Protein backbone atom coordinates (compact mmCIF):
# COMPACT_ATOMS: atom_id res chain seq x y z
CA UNK A 1 193.13 83.01 150.65
CA UNK A 2 196.79 82.14 150.61
CA UNK A 3 199.84 84.28 150.01
CA UNK A 4 201.22 84.55 146.48
CA UNK A 5 204.90 84.90 145.67
CA UNK A 6 206.81 85.88 142.57
CA UNK A 7 210.44 85.27 141.73
CA UNK A 8 211.48 87.35 138.75
CA UNK A 9 214.79 87.11 136.93
CA UNK A 10 215.70 90.28 135.05
CA UNK A 11 218.64 90.29 132.66
CA UNK A 12 219.89 93.75 131.74
CA UNK A 13 221.59 94.53 128.47
CA UNK A 14 225.37 94.39 128.94
CA UNK A 15 226.64 97.13 131.21
CA UNK A 16 223.17 98.53 132.00
CA UNK A 17 222.55 96.88 135.34
CA UNK A 18 222.79 100.13 137.28
CA UNK A 19 219.77 101.39 135.35
CA UNK A 20 217.74 98.50 136.76
CA UNK A 21 218.74 99.47 140.30
CA UNK A 22 217.88 103.12 139.70
CA UNK A 23 214.44 102.21 138.34
CA UNK A 24 213.65 100.03 141.35
CA UNK A 25 214.82 102.76 143.71
CA UNK A 26 212.45 105.11 141.87
CA UNK A 27 209.55 102.72 142.49
CA UNK A 28 210.21 102.29 146.23
CA UNK A 29 207.56 104.72 147.48
CA UNK A 30 204.90 103.25 145.21
CA UNK A 31 205.66 99.71 146.41
CA UNK A 32 205.64 100.82 150.05
CA UNK A 33 202.16 102.29 149.52
CA UNK A 34 200.73 98.94 148.31
CA UNK A 35 198.75 97.58 151.26
CA UNK A 36 198.86 93.95 150.08
CA UNK A 37 202.56 93.85 149.19
CA UNK A 38 204.32 92.10 152.09
CA UNK A 39 207.84 91.95 150.61
CA UNK A 40 209.53 93.30 147.49
CA UNK A 41 213.30 92.94 147.21
CA UNK A 42 215.77 93.37 144.36
CA UNK A 43 218.91 91.21 144.40
CA UNK A 44 221.98 91.47 142.14
CA UNK A 45 223.81 88.36 140.98
CA UNK A 46 227.35 88.37 142.37
CA UNK A 47 228.84 86.64 139.33
CA UNK A 48 227.01 88.67 136.68
CA UNK A 49 226.12 92.29 137.56
CA UNK A 50 223.62 92.41 134.70
CA UNK A 51 221.39 89.71 136.25
CA UNK A 52 218.86 90.53 138.97
CA UNK A 53 216.30 88.63 140.99
CA UNK A 54 213.18 90.17 142.47
CA UNK A 55 211.53 88.29 145.32
CA UNK A 56 207.97 89.35 145.96
CA UNK A 57 205.34 88.30 148.47
CA UNK A 58 201.72 89.36 148.33
CA UNK A 59 198.85 88.95 150.75
CA UNK A 60 196.77 87.27 148.05
CA UNK A 61 196.14 87.17 144.30
CA UNK A 62 194.16 90.41 144.44
CA UNK A 63 197.18 92.21 145.92
CA UNK A 64 199.42 90.87 143.13
CA UNK A 65 196.86 91.90 140.54
CA UNK A 66 196.73 95.42 142.02
CA UNK A 67 200.53 95.63 141.97
CA UNK A 68 200.70 94.60 138.33
CA UNK A 69 198.52 97.54 137.22
CA UNK A 70 199.53 100.05 139.88
CA UNK A 71 201.94 102.98 140.18
CA UNK A 72 204.94 100.78 141.03
CA UNK A 73 204.76 98.94 137.72
CA UNK A 74 204.20 102.24 135.93
CA UNK A 75 207.38 103.56 137.55
CA UNK A 76 209.28 100.48 136.35
CA UNK A 77 208.00 100.70 132.78
CA UNK A 78 210.94 102.89 131.82
CA UNK A 79 213.50 100.11 132.27
CA UNK A 80 212.32 98.33 129.15
CA UNK A 81 215.12 99.73 127.03
CA UNK A 82 217.76 98.45 129.49
CA UNK A 83 216.26 94.95 129.78
CA UNK A 84 217.38 92.01 127.69
CA UNK A 85 214.94 89.52 129.22
CA UNK A 86 212.52 88.81 132.06
CA UNK A 87 211.40 85.49 133.51
CA UNK A 88 208.50 85.50 136.00
CA UNK A 89 207.77 82.52 138.23
CA UNK A 90 204.51 82.60 140.21
CA UNK A 91 204.33 80.43 143.32
CA UNK A 92 202.61 79.74 146.62
CA UNK A 93 204.82 79.88 149.73
CA UNK A 94 204.70 76.58 151.60
CA UNK A 95 207.38 76.86 154.33
CA UNK A 96 209.17 79.73 156.00
CA UNK A 97 212.05 79.37 158.45
CA UNK A 98 212.20 83.08 159.24
CA UNK A 99 210.47 86.13 157.87
CA UNK A 100 207.02 87.43 157.44
C-alpha cells in the first residue's frame, strides 16, 4: 500500500490562534504513540496568525483511519469552539526531495 498524506487548513476565530497551538501541544503524546503516523506538523501562517496548516503523513489508509478515531483526535476535539473553519485535502505523496 502507498503512503497517504493530509494537508489541513485550520482557521481560528479572530484572536484565538494560540488556543489551536495549545490543543495540538496537548495531543503530542497521543500522536507520537500512533505507530502508522510518520509525520504530523502544525504550521502557523506568518501573515495571519489565526490560520494554520497541518501536514500529515501516514503509512497507509489504515493508519489514517486509526488516527481519525484515536486519542489524538479526541484530544483535539476541544478546539471546536476556537475554530472558524477547516479544510482537509487528502493526497498521495509522489515525490520527496528530503524527508521520510
